[in-house]
Amino acid sequence: MDTMDQLLAKANVLIEALPYIQRFQNQTIIVKYGGSAMVDHELKKNVIRDVALLKLVGFRPIIVHGGGKEITKWIGKVGLETEFVSGLRVTDADTIQVAEMVLNRVNKGLVSMMEKTGLKAVGISGKDGTVLRVEKKYAPDGQDIGFVGQVTNVDSRLLNTLLDNDFIPVICPIGSDAEYHSFNINADDAACAVAKEMKAAKLVFLSDIEGVYRDPADPSTLVSRMTVSQARQFLADGFAGGGMLPKLNSCIDALESGVGRVHILDGRIAHSLLLEFFTDKGVGTLIFRDDDPGAELRN
């Protein structure tokens, strides 16, 4: 049996969460789901439970998932080779077929796990209802990388229909161009595009990094909060490299396009979504506009 101190500690957790629950109730949030939390079964269960709780306290979540590790595995199984140019997967006609098959398989697996927790979820491709319309994307040096798409339009009608009928949309990042050809989309880019169209209150990147560091080799340099202007200065000072550079630029773009707040979290931390959303300190990096009226609230 819990002691009185333990019971009071639990009560304090709920009290700490209350202003965040009140502020974001009935608000749309986009969770970009990727990294180890997609392949480790226990981490996956934790994420699904977190999403279930967010839904039950009144949030309107949309999941956009990746699947790069699974795609790489299956490309090898069918005897193809994986090639990257400037961090972008070269996606020829055979590779896009494998990618679409794998991402749809991952998608339905996530939906099944959600249904087991009592959630109502619907898995869709960005091609469904032309949710994600794309044009061909090229590498930064102009090299042709095949069926890789850049989102040009998000049709939110299907997403709003699902949300209004109490379903959680689970989106795999395959879109179509004007001729209805399939294109693979970077999941971060897809999540940003959806968040901007939906004017989401929150956009969350759930991956294998704890957040934004001034020095990636020094865990003590984790930046807990930053405004858009601070993020721009961070980039100008050269602190962001590798995959963090495009991610931060995407965060800035999302905020300047109407998204409320952006979070970068480590999905390897159990229940990181709840810890970030409902505690004063949080566990990742929060990025918000300079004129955010609720800047005094951590989340």
C-alpha atoms as a PDB file:
ATOM      1  CA  MET A   1       0.000   0.000   0.000  1.00  0.00           C
ATOM      2  CA  ASP A   2       1.266   3.495  -0.820  1.00  0.00           C
ATOM      3  CA  THR A   3       2.319   5.740   2.045  1.00  0.00           C
ATOM      4  CA  MET A   4       0.689   9.144   2.501  1.00  0.00           C
ATOM      5  CA  ASP A   5       3.799  10.814   1.055  1.00  0.00           C
ATOM      6  CA  GLN A   6       3.574   8.636  -2.056  1.00  0.00           C
ATOM      7  CA  LEU A   7      -0.114   9.428  -2.444  1.00  0.00           C
ATOM      8  CA  LEU A   8       0.578  13.157  -2.094  1.00  0.00           C
ATOM      9  CA  ALA A   9       3.348  12.898  -4.693  1.00  0.00           C
ATOM     10  CA  LYS A  10       0.871  11.347  -7.128  1.00  0.00           C
ATOM     11  CA  ALA A  11      -1.614  14.112  -6.408  1.00  0.00           C
ATOM     12  CA  ASN A  12       1.067  16.738  -7.064  1.00  0.00           C
ATOM     13  CA  VAL A  13       1.798  15.159 -10.441  1.00  0.00           C
ATOM     14  CA  LEU A  14      -1.849  15.604 -11.417  1.00  0.00           C
ATOM     15  CA  ILE A  15      -1.915  19.178 -10.119  1.00  0.00           C
ATOM     16  CA  GLU A  16       1.237  20.018 -12.100  1.00  0.00           C
ATOM     17  CA  ALA A  17      -0.377  18.601 -15.257  1.00  0.00           C
ATOM     18  CA  LEU A  18      -3.676  20.477 -14.838  1.00  0.00           C
ATOM     19  CA  PRO A  19      -2.786  23.839 -16.480  1.00  0.00           C
ATOM     20  CA  TYR A  20      -1.323  22.057 -19.504  1.00  0.00           C
ATOM     21  CA  ILE A  21      -4.385  19.839 -19.876  1.00  0.00           C
ATOM     22  CA  GLN A  22      -6.643  22.885 -19.637  1.00  0.00           C
ATOM     23  CA  ARG A  23      -4.627  24.921 -22.114  1.00  0.00           C
ATOM     24  CA  PHE A  24      -4.436  22.314 -24.858  1.00  0.00           C
ATOM     25  CA  GLN A  25      -7.793  20.569 -24.491  1.00  0.00           C
ATOM     26  CA  ASN A  26      -9.524  20.124 -27.876  1.00  0.00           C
ATOM     27  CA  GLN A  27      -6.333  21.229 -29.639  1.00  0.00           C
ATOM     28  CA  THR A  28      -4.754  19.301 -32.513  1.00  0.00           C
ATOM     29  CA  ILE A  29      -1.264  17.920 -31.949  1.00  0.00           C
ATOM     30  CA  ILE A  30       0.975  16.229 -34.507  1.00  0.00           C
ATOM     31  CA  VAL A  31       3.369  13.519 -33.346  1.00  0.00           C
ATOM     32  CA  LYS A  32       6.147  12.574 -35.765  1.00  0.00           C
ATOM     33  CA  TYR A  33       6.954   9.064 -34.610  1.00  0.00           C
ATOM     34  CA  GLY A  34      10.297   7.502 -35.529  1.00  0.00           C
ATOM     35  CA  GLY A  35      13.588   6.114 -34.284  1.00  0.00           C
ATOM     36  CA  SER A  36      14.094   3.314 -31.758  1.00  0.00           C
ATOM     37  CA  ALA A  37      10.603   3.840 -30.321  1.00  0.00           C
ATOM     38  CA  MET A  38       9.278   2.315 -33.533  1.00  0.00           C
ATOM     39  CA  VAL A  39      11.312  -0.896 -33.386  1.00  0.00           C
ATOM     40  CA  ASP A  40      11.572  -1.613 -29.641  1.00  0.00           C
ATOM     41  CA  HIS A  41       8.327  -3.280 -28.559  1.00  0.00           C
ATOM     42  CA  GLU A  42       8.273  -1.881 -25.009  1.00  0.00           C
ATOM     43  CA  LEU A  43       9.053   1.651 -26.182  1.00  0.00           C
ATOM     44  CA  LYS A  44       6.338   1.317 -28.808  1.00  0.00           C
ATOM     45  CA  LYS A  45       3.810   0.301 -26.160  1.00  0.00           C
ATOM     46  CA  ASN A  46       4.804   3.303 -24.024  1.00  0.00           C
ATOM     47  CA  VAL A  47       4.258   5.705 -26.929  1.00  0.00           C
ATOM     48  CA  ILE A  48       0.842   4.208 -27.689  1.00  0.00           C
ATOM     49  CA  ARG A  49      -0.161   4.499 -24.023  1.00  0.00           C
ATOM     50  CA  ASP A  50       0.980   8.117 -23.983  1.00  0.00           C
ATOM     51  CA  VAL A  51      -1.111   8.868 -27.067  1.00  0.00           C
ATOM     52  CA  ALA A  52      -4.071   7.106 -25.450  1.00  0.00           C
ATOM     53  CA  LEU A  53      -3.815   9.338 -22.383  1.00  0.00           C
ATOM     54  CA  LEU A  54      -3.452  12.471 -24.520  1.00  0.00           C
ATOM     55  CA  LYS A  55      -6.622  11.480 -26.350  1.00  0.00           C
ATOM     56  CA  LEU A  56      -8.519  10.760 -23.144  1.00  0.00           C
ATOM     57  CA  VAL A  57      -7.712  14.166 -21.612  1.00  0.00           C
ATOM     58  CA  GLY A  58      -9.051  15.950 -24.674  1.00  0.00           C
ATOM     59  CA  PHE A  59      -6.170  16.357 -27.142  1.00  0.00           C
ATOM     60  CA  ARG A  60      -6.736  15.638 -30.851  1.00  0.00           C
ATOM     61  CA  PRO A  61      -3.622  13.677 -31.897  1.00  0.00           C
ATOM     62  CA  ILE A  62      -2.470  12.860 -35.410  1.00  0.00           C
ATOM     63  CA  ILE A  63       0.451  10.452 -35.859  1.00  0.00           C
ATOM     64  CA  VAL A  64       2.875  10.746 -38.775  1.00  0.00           C
ATOM     65  CA  HIS A  65       5.342   7.867 -38.725  1.00  0.00           C
ATOM     66  CA  GLY A  66       8.569   6.989 -40.421  1.00  0.00           C
ATOM     67  CA  GLY A  67      10.022   3.579 -41.113  1.00  0.00           C
ATOM     68  CA  GLY A  68      13.479   4.067 -42.569  1.00  0.00           C
ATOM     69  CA  LYS A  69      15.074   1.202 -40.640  1.00  0.00           C
ATOM     70  CA  GLU A  70      12.389  -1.231 -41.795  1.00  0.00           C
ATOM     71  CA  ILE A  71      12.678  -0.015 -45.384  1.00  0.00           C
ATOM     72  CA  THR A  72      16.444  -0.543 -45.331  1.00  0.00           C
ATOM     73  CA  LYS A  73      15.985  -4.053 -43.918  1.00  0.00           C
ATOM     74  CA  TRP A  74      13.460  -5.085 -46.570  1.00  0.00           C
ATOM     75  CA  ILE A  75      15.411  -3.530 -49.421  1.00  0.00           C
ATOM     76  CA  GLY A  76      18.276  -5.816 -48.430  1.00  0.00           C
ATOM     77  CA  LYS A  77      15.950  -8.824 -48.197  1.00  0.00           C
ATOM     78  CA  VAL A  78      14.756  -8.411 -51.772  1.00  0.00           C
ATOM     79  CA  GLY A  79      18.298  -8.023 -53.064  1.00  0.00           C
ATOM     80  CA  LEU A  80      18.335  -4.281 -53.705  1.00  0.00           C
ATOM     81  CA  GLU A  81      20.982  -1.837 -52.488  1.00  0.00           C
ATOM     82  CA  THR A  82      20.391   1.215 -50.307  1.00  0.00           C
ATOM     83  CA  GLU A  83      21.961   4.443 -51.529  1.00  0.00           C
ATOM     84  CA  PHE A  84      21.812   7.872 -49.918  1.00  0.00           C
ATOM     85  CA  VAL A  85      22.659  11.270 -51.389  1.00  0.00           C
ATOM     86  CA  SER A  86      22.947  14.185 -48.934  1.00  0.00           C
ATOM     87  CA  GLY A  87      21.012  12.131 -46.379  1.00  0.00           C
ATOM     88  CA  LEU A  88      18.175  11.386 -48.831  1.00  0.00           C
ATOM     89  CA  ARG A  89      17.381   7.828 -49.867  1.00  0.00           C
ATOM     90  CA  VAL A  90      17.699   7.285 -53.606  1.00  0.00           C
ATOM     91  CA  THR A  91      14.306   5.805 -54.503  1.00  0.00           C
ATOM     92  CA  ASP A  92      14.052   4.152 -57.900  1.00  0.00           C
ATOM     93  CA  ALA A  93      10.949   2.387 -59.253  1.00  0.00           C
ATOM     94  CA  ASP A  94      11.725  -0.862 -57.383  1.00  0.00           C
ATOM     95  CA  THR A  95      12.613   0.904 -54.135  1.00  0.00           C
ATOM     96  CA  ILE A  96       9.404   2.946 -54.019  1.00  0.00           C
ATOM     97  CA  GLN A  97       7.394  -0.269 -54.293  1.00  0.00           C
ATOM     98  CA  VAL A  98       9.263  -1.741 -51.329  1.00  0.00           C
ATOM     99  CA  ALA A  99       9.008   1.504 -49.346  1.00  0.00           C
ATOM    100  CA  GLU A 100       5.272   1.762 -49.892  1.00  0.00           C
ATOM    101  CA  MET A 101       4.730  -1.869 -48.922  1.00  0.00           C
ATOM    102  CA  VAL A 102       6.839  -1.562 -45.751  1.00  0.00           C
ATOM    103  CA  LEU A 103       5.358   1.757 -44.629  1.00  0.00           C
ATOM    104  CA  ASN A 104       1.809   0.463 -45.050  1.00  0.00           C
ATOM    105  CA  ARG A 105       2.755  -2.636 -43.044  1.00  0.00           C
ATOM    106  CA  VAL A 106       4.221  -0.468 -40.254  1.00  0.00           C
ATOM    107  CA  ASN A 107       1.133   1.735 -40.411  1.00  0.00           C
ATOM    108  CA  LYS A 108      -1.325  -1.100 -39.867  1.00  0.00           C
ATOM    109  CA  GLY A 109       0.813  -2.483 -37.049  1.00  0.00           C
ATOM    110  CA  LEU A 110       0.566   0.836 -35.199  1.00  0.00           C
ATOM    111  CA  VAL A 111      -3.173   0.975 -35.764  1.00  0.00           C
ATOM    112  CA  SER A 112      -3.582  -2.540 -34.344  1.00  0.00           C
ATOM    113  CA  MET A 113      -1.644  -1.610 -31.199  1.00  0.00           C
ATOM    114  CA  MET A 114      -3.801   1.479 -30.743  1.00  0.00           C
ATOM    115  CA  GLU A 115      -6.992  -0.502 -31.173  1.00  0.00           C
ATOM    116  CA  LYS A 116      -5.824  -2.928 -28.474  1.00  0.00           C
ATOM    117  CA  THR A 117      -5.604  -0.018 -26.011  1.00  0.00           C
ATOM    118  CA  GLY A 118      -9.178   0.987 -26.796  1.00  0.00           C
ATOM    119  CA  LEU A 119      -8.328   3.831 -29.156  1.00  0.00           C
ATOM    120  CA  LYS A 120     -10.184   4.361 -32.419  1.00  0.00           C
ATOM    121  CA  ALA A 121      -7.480   4.734 -35.054  1.00  0.00           C
ATOM    122  CA  VAL A 122      -7.412   4.764 -38.853  1.00  0.00           C
ATOM    123  CA  GLY A 123      -4.249   4.174 -40.829  1.00  0.00           C
ATOM    124  CA  ILE A 124      -3.939   6.085 -44.072  1.00  0.00           C
ATOM    125  CA  SER A 125      -1.333   6.786 -46.703  1.00  0.00           C
ATOM    126  CA  GLY A 126      -0.730  10.362 -47.768  1.00  0.00           C
ATOM    127  CA  LYS A 127      -2.183   9.228 -51.099  1.00  0.00           C
ATOM    128  CA  ASP A 128      -5.593   8.583 -49.518  1.00  0.00           C
ATOM    129  CA  GLY A 129      -7.914  11.516 -50.131  1.00  0.00           C
ATOM    130  CA  THR A 130      -4.869  13.209 -51.708  1.00  0.00           C
ATOM    131  CA  VAL A 131      -3.886  14.216 -48.172  1.00  0.00           C
ATOM    132  CA  LEU A 132      -0.273  14.702 -49.278  1.00  0.00           C
ATOM    133  CA  ARG A 133       0.249  16.102 -52.769  1.00  0.00           C
ATOM    134  CA  VAL A 134       3.891  16.277 -53.805  1.00  0.00           C
ATOM    135  CA  GLU A 135       6.267  17.295 -56.527  1.00  0.00           C
ATOM    136  CA  LYS A 136       9.543  15.598 -57.323  1.00  0.00           C
ATOM    137  CA  LYS A 137      12.377  16.517 -54.948  1.00  0.00           C
ATOM    138  CA  TYR A 138      16.026  16.713 -55.972  1.00  0.00           C
ATOM    139  CA  ALA A 139      19.205  16.487 -53.904  1.00  0.00           C
ATOM    140  CA  PRO A 140      20.744  19.840 -52.875  1.00  0.00           C
ATOM    141  CA  ASP A 141      23.276  19.507 -55.715  1.00  0.00           C
ATOM    142  CA  GLY A 142      20.475  18.959 -58.245  1.00  0.00           C
ATOM    143  CA  GLN A 143      21.001  15.210 -58.518  1.00  0.00           C
ATOM    144  CA  ASP A 144      17.961  13.114 -59.429  1.00  0.00           C
ATOM    145  CA  ILE A 145      17.147  10.826 -56.481  1.00  0.00           C
ATOM    146  CA  GLY A 146      14.088   9.170 -57.974  1.00  0.00           C
ATOM    147  CA  PHE A 147      10.661   8.946 -56.398  1.00  0.00           C
ATOM    148  CA  VAL A 148      11.297  11.275 -53.475  1.00  0.00           C
ATOM    149  CA  GLY A 149       8.623  13.893 -52.949  1.00  0.00           C
ATOM    150  CA  GLN A 150       8.392  17.394 -51.529  1.00  0.00           C
ATOM    151  CA  VAL A 151       4.944  18.199 -50.112  1.00  0.00           C
ATOM    152  CA  THR A 152       3.226  20.993 -52.039  1.00  0.00           C
ATOM    153  CA  ASN A 153      -0.277  20.701 -50.601  1.00  0.00           C
ATOM    154  CA  VAL A 154      -2.092  19.074 -47.691  1.00  0.00           C
ATOM    155  CA  ASP A 155      -5.797  18.357 -48.068  1.00  0.00           C
ATOM    156  CA  SER A 156      -7.122  18.343 -44.507  1.00  0.00           C
ATOM    157  CA  ARG A 157     -10.705  17.252 -45.246  1.00  0.00           C
ATOM    158  CA  LEU A 158     -10.141  13.561 -44.538  1.00  0.00           C
ATOM    159  CA  LEU A 159      -8.099  14.349 -41.413  1.00  0.00           C
ATOM    160  CA  ASN A 160     -10.789  16.644 -40.017  1.00  0.00           C
ATOM    161  CA  THR A 161     -13.488  14.064 -40.756  1.00  0.00           C
ATOM    162  CA  LEU A 162     -11.568  11.431 -38.809  1.00  0.00           C
ATOM    163  CA  LEU A 163     -10.813  13.755 -35.888  1.00  0.00           C
ATOM    164  CA  ASP A 164     -14.412  14.978 -35.691  1.00  0.00           C
ATOM    165  CA  ASN A 165     -15.574  11.366 -35.507  1.00  0.00           C
ATOM    166  CA  ASP A 166     -13.204  10.540 -32.642  1.00  0.00           C
ATOM    167  CA  PHE A 167     -10.588   8.652 -34.685  1.00  0.00           C
ATOM    168  CA  ILE A 168      -6.826   9.125 -34.517  1.00  0.00           C
ATOM    169  CA  PRO A 169      -5.355   9.443 -38.024  1.00  0.00           C
ATOM    170  CA  VAL A 170      -2.103   7.500 -38.468  1.00  0.00           C
ATOM    171  CA  ILE A 171      -0.324   8.690 -41.608  1.00  0.00           C
ATOM    172  CA  CYS A 172       2.445   6.948 -43.519  1.00  0.00           C
ATOM    173  CA  PRO A 173       4.572   9.368 -45.575  1.00  0.00           C
ATOM    174  CA  ILE A 174       3.770   8.286 -49.121  1.00  0.00           C
ATOM    175  CA  GLY A 175       2.284  10.984 -51.340  1.00  0.00           C
ATOM    176  CA  SER A 176       1.254  11.339 -54.960  1.00  0.00           C
ATOM    177  CA  ASP A 177       2.035  13.858 -57.666  1.00  0.00           C
ATOM    178  CA  ALA A 178      -0.359  15.349 -60.223  1.00  0.00           C
ATOM    179  CA  GLU A 179      -0.171  12.125 -62.268  1.00  0.00           C
ATOM    180  CA  TYR A 180      -0.836  10.010 -59.133  1.00  0.00           C
ATOM    181  CA  HIS A 181       2.609   8.419 -59.047  1.00  0.00           C
ATOM    182  CA  SER A 182       3.767   7.354 -55.573  1.00  0.00           C
ATOM    183  CA  PHE A 183       6.570   9.267 -53.874  1.00  0.00           C
ATOM    184  CA  ASN A 184       8.403   8.620 -50.619  1.00  0.00           C
ATOM    185  CA  ILE A 185       8.422  11.660 -48.288  1.00  0.00           C
ATOM    186  CA  ASN A 186      10.777  12.413 -45.425  1.00  0.00           C
ATOM    187  CA  ALA A 187       8.593  11.856 -42.341  1.00  0.00           C
ATOM    188  CA  ASP A 188       9.790  15.091 -40.679  1.00  0.00           C
ATOM    189  CA  ASP A 189       8.743  17.030 -43.777  1.00  0.00           C
ATOM    190  CA  ALA A 190       5.377  15.273 -43.902  1.00  0.00           C
ATOM    191  CA  ALA A 191       4.700  15.998 -40.214  1.00  0.00           C
ATOM    192  CA  CYS A 192       5.615  19.672 -40.653  1.00  0.00           C
ATOM    193  CA  ALA A 193       3.341  20.022 -43.669  1.00  0.00           C
ATOM    194  CA  VAL A 194       0.403  18.434 -41.833  1.00  0.00           C
ATOM    195  CA  ALA A 195       1.030  20.553 -38.717  1.00  0.00           C
ATOM    196  CA  LYS A 196       1.066  23.766 -40.759  1.00  0.00           C
ATOM    197  CA  GLU A 197      -2.150  22.928 -42.602  1.00  0.00           C
ATOM    198  CA  MET A 198      -3.937  21.898 -39.392  1.00  0.00           C
ATOM    199  CA  LYS A 199      -2.597  24.940 -37.463  1.00  0.00           C
ATOM    200  CA  ALA A 200      -1.615  22.435 -34.782  1.00  0.00           C
ATOM    201  CA  ALA A 201      -1.129  23.585 -31.215  1.00  0.00           C
ATOM    202  CA  LYS A 202       1.880  21.274 -30.954  1.00  0.00           C
ATOM    203  CA  LEU A 203       4.245  19.495 -33.305  1.00  0.00           C
ATOM    204  CA  VAL A 204       6.402  16.825 -31.688  1.00  0.00           C
ATOM    205  CA  PHE A 205       9.458  15.143 -33.188  1.00  0.00           C
ATOM    206  CA  LEU A 206       9.917  11.811 -31.411  1.00  0.00           C
ATOM    207  CA  SER A 207      13.272  10.288 -32.375  1.00  0.00           C
ATOM    208  CA  ASP A 208      16.623   9.113 -30.954  1.00  0.00           C
ATOM    209  CA  ILE A 209      17.899  12.470 -29.739  1.00  0.00           C
ATOM    210  CA  GLU A 210      17.133  14.078 -26.388  1.00  0.00           C
ATOM    211  CA  GLY A 211      16.694  17.517 -27.900  1.00  0.00           C
ATOM    212  CA  VAL A 212      18.881  20.396 -29.037  1.00  0.00           C
ATOM    213  CA  TYR A 213      22.433  20.512 -27.642  1.00  0.00           C
ATOM    214  CA  ARG A 214      24.980  23.299 -27.832  1.00  0.00           C
ATOM    215  CA  ASP A 215      27.559  20.516 -27.748  1.00  0.00           C
ATOM    216  CA  PRO A 216      26.222  17.065 -28.758  1.00  0.00           C
ATOM    217  CA  ALA A 217      29.105  15.450 -26.869  1.00  0.00           C
ATOM    218  CA  ASP A 218      28.078  17.120 -23.585  1.00  0.00           C
ATOM    219  CA  PRO A 219      24.642  16.101 -22.199  1.00  0.00           C
ATOM    220  CA  SER A 220      24.704  19.064 -19.803  1.00  0.00           C
ATOM    221  CA  THR A 221      24.326  21.465 -22.752  1.00  0.00           C
ATOM    222  CA  LEU A 222      20.751  20.386 -23.569  1.00  0.00           C
ATOM    223  CA  VAL A 223      18.679  23.473 -24.370  1.00  0.00           C
ATOM    224  CA  SER A 224      15.316  23.134 -22.614  1.00  0.00           C
ATOM    225  CA  ARG A 225      13.599  26.178 -24.177  1.00  0.00           C
ATOM    226  CA  MET A 226      14.322  28.454 -27.093  1.00  0.00           C
ATOM    227  CA  THR A 227      12.416  31.101 -29.014  1.00  0.00           C
ATOM    228  CA  VAL A 228      12.433  31.299 -32.799  1.00  0.00           C
ATOM    229  CA  SER A 229      14.949  34.162 -32.690  1.00  0.00           C
ATOM    230  CA  GLN A 230      17.197  32.136 -30.382  1.00  0.00           C
ATOM    231  CA  ALA A 231      16.900  29.154 -32.735  1.00  0.00           C
ATOM    232  CA  ARG A 232      17.938  31.366 -35.656  1.00  0.00           C
ATOM    233  CA  GLN A 233      20.950  32.591 -33.685  1.00  0.00           C
ATOM    234  CA  PHE A 234      21.763  29.008 -32.742  1.00  0.00           C
ATOM    235  CA  LEU A 235      21.892  28.147 -36.442  1.00  0.00           C
ATOM    236  CA  ALA A 236      23.886  31.262 -37.314  1.00  0.00           C
ATOM    237  CA  ASP A 237      26.451  30.413 -34.633  1.00  0.00           C
ATOM    238  CA  GLY A 238      26.965  26.993 -36.205  1.00  0.00           C
ATOM    239  CA  PHE A 239      25.784  24.897 -33.254  1.00  0.00           C
ATOM    240  CA  ALA A 240      23.426  22.758 -35.358  1.00  0.00           C
ATOM    241  CA  GLY A 241      24.929  20.127 -37.630  1.00  0.00           C
ATOM    242  CA  GLY A 242      23.950  16.865 -39.271  1.00  0.00           C
ATOM    243  CA  GLY A 243      20.286  16.008 -39.028  1.00  0.00           C
ATOM    244  CA  MET A 244      19.610  18.778 -36.491  1.00  0.00           C
ATOM    245  CA  LEU A 245      20.173  21.491 -39.091  1.00  0.00           C
ATOM    246  CA  PRO A 246      17.166  20.662 -41.326  1.00  0.00           C
ATOM    247  CA  LYS A 247      15.085  19.737 -38.257  1.00  0.00           C
ATOM    248  CA  LEU A 248      15.584  23.164 -36.645  1.00  0.00           C
ATOM    249  CA  ASN A 249      14.843  24.908 -39.922  1.00  0.00           C
ATOM    250  CA  SER A 250      11.638  22.857 -40.160  1.00  0.00           C
ATOM    251  CA  CYS A 251      10.718  23.858 -36.595  1.00  0.00           C
ATOM    252  CA  ILE A 252      11.173  27.553 -37.390  1.00  0.00           C
ATOM    253  CA  ASP A 253       9.157  27.242 -40.591  1.00  0.00           C
ATOM    254  CA  ALA A 254       6.333  25.438 -38.776  1.00  0.00           C
ATOM    255  CA  LEU A 255       6.122  28.062 -36.025  1.00  0.00           C
ATOM    256  CA  GLU A 256       6.132  30.931 -38.514  1.00  0.00           C
ATOM    257  CA  SER A 257       3.337  29.171 -40.427  1.00  0.00           C
ATOM    258  CA  GLY A 258       0.940  29.028 -37.498  1.00  0.00           C
ATOM    259  CA  VAL A 259       1.964  25.986 -35.438  1.00  0.00           C
ATOM    260  CA  GLY A 260       1.731  26.791 -31.719  1.00  0.00           C
ATOM    261  CA  ARG A 261       4.781  25.052 -30.255  1.00  0.00           C
ATOM    262  CA  VAL A 262       7.371  22.517 -31.371  1.00  0.00           C
ATOM    263  CA  HIS A 263       9.006  19.832 -29.211  1.00  0.00           C
ATOM    264  CA  ILE A 264      12.047  17.667 -29.967  1.00  0.00           C
ATOM    265  CA  LEU A 265      12.049  14.561 -27.744  1.00  0.00           C
ATOM    266  CA  ASP A 266      13.902  11.317 -27.187  1.00  0.00           C
ATOM    267  CA  GLY A 267      11.500   8.444 -27.784  1.00  0.00           C
ATOM    268  CA  ARG A 268      13.889   6.104 -25.962  1.00  0.00           C
ATOM    269  CA  ILE A 269      12.807   7.714 -22.673  1.00  0.00           C
ATOM    270  CA  ALA A 270       9.743   5.924 -21.334  1.00  0.00           C
ATOM    271  CA  HIS A 271       6.652   8.163 -21.496  1.00  0.00           C
ATOM    272  CA  SER A 272       8.639  11.105 -22.830  1.00  0.00           C
ATOM    273  CA  LEU A 273       5.471  12.577 -24.374  1.00  0.00           C
ATOM    274  CA  LEU A 274       3.752  12.803 -20.997  1.00  0.00           C
ATOM    275  CA  LEU A 275       6.850  14.084 -19.226  1.00  0.00           C
ATOM    276  CA  GLU A 276       7.297  16.809 -21.835  1.00  0.00           C
ATOM    277  CA  PHE A 277       3.647  17.854 -22.056  1.00  0.00           C
ATOM    278  CA  PHE A 278       2.568  17.682 -18.438  1.00  0.00           C
ATOM    279  CA  THR A 279       5.559  18.643 -16.291  1.00  0.00           C
ATOM    280  CA  ASP A 280       7.034  22.087 -15.629  1.00  0.00           C
ATOM    281  CA  LYS A 281      10.565  21.065 -16.513  1.00  0.00           C
ATOM    282  CA  GLY A 282       9.949  18.762 -19.490  1.00  0.00           C
ATOM    283  CA  VAL A 283      12.498  16.318 -20.890  1.00  0.00           C
ATOM    284  CA  GLY A 284      13.328  17.666 -24.340  1.00  0.00           C
ATOM    285  CA  THR A 285      13.611  20.962 -26.198  1.00  0.00           C
ATOM    286  CA  LEU A 286      10.635  23.286 -26.541  1.00  0.00           C
ATOM    287  CA  ILE A 287      10.715  25.881 -29.343  1.00  0.00           C
ATOM    288  CA  PHE A 288       8.138  28.685 -29.452  1.00  0.00           C
ATOM    289  CA  ARG A 289       7.479  32.031 -31.094  1.00  0.00           C
ATOM    290  CA  ASP A 290       8.946  35.166 -29.545  1.00  0.00           C
ATOM    291  CA  ASP A 291       5.452  36.616 -29.095  1.00  0.00           C
ATOM    292  CA  ASP A 292       3.984  33.440 -27.534  1.00  0.00           C
ATOM    293  CA  PRO A 293       1.387  34.700 -25.037  1.00  0.00           C
ATOM    294  CA  GLY A 294       1.836  31.651 -22.818  1.00  0.00           C
ATOM    295  CA  ALA A 295       5.636  31.787 -22.693  1.00  0.00           C
ATOM    296  CA  GLU A 296       5.586  31.552 -18.893  1.00  0.00           C
ATOM    297  CA  LEU A 297       4.236  28.010 -19.151  1.00  0.00           C
ATOM    298  CA  ARG A 298       6.976  25.436 -19.865  1.00  0.00           C
ATOM    299  CA  ASN A 299       4.759  23.577 -22.281  1.00  0.00           C
END
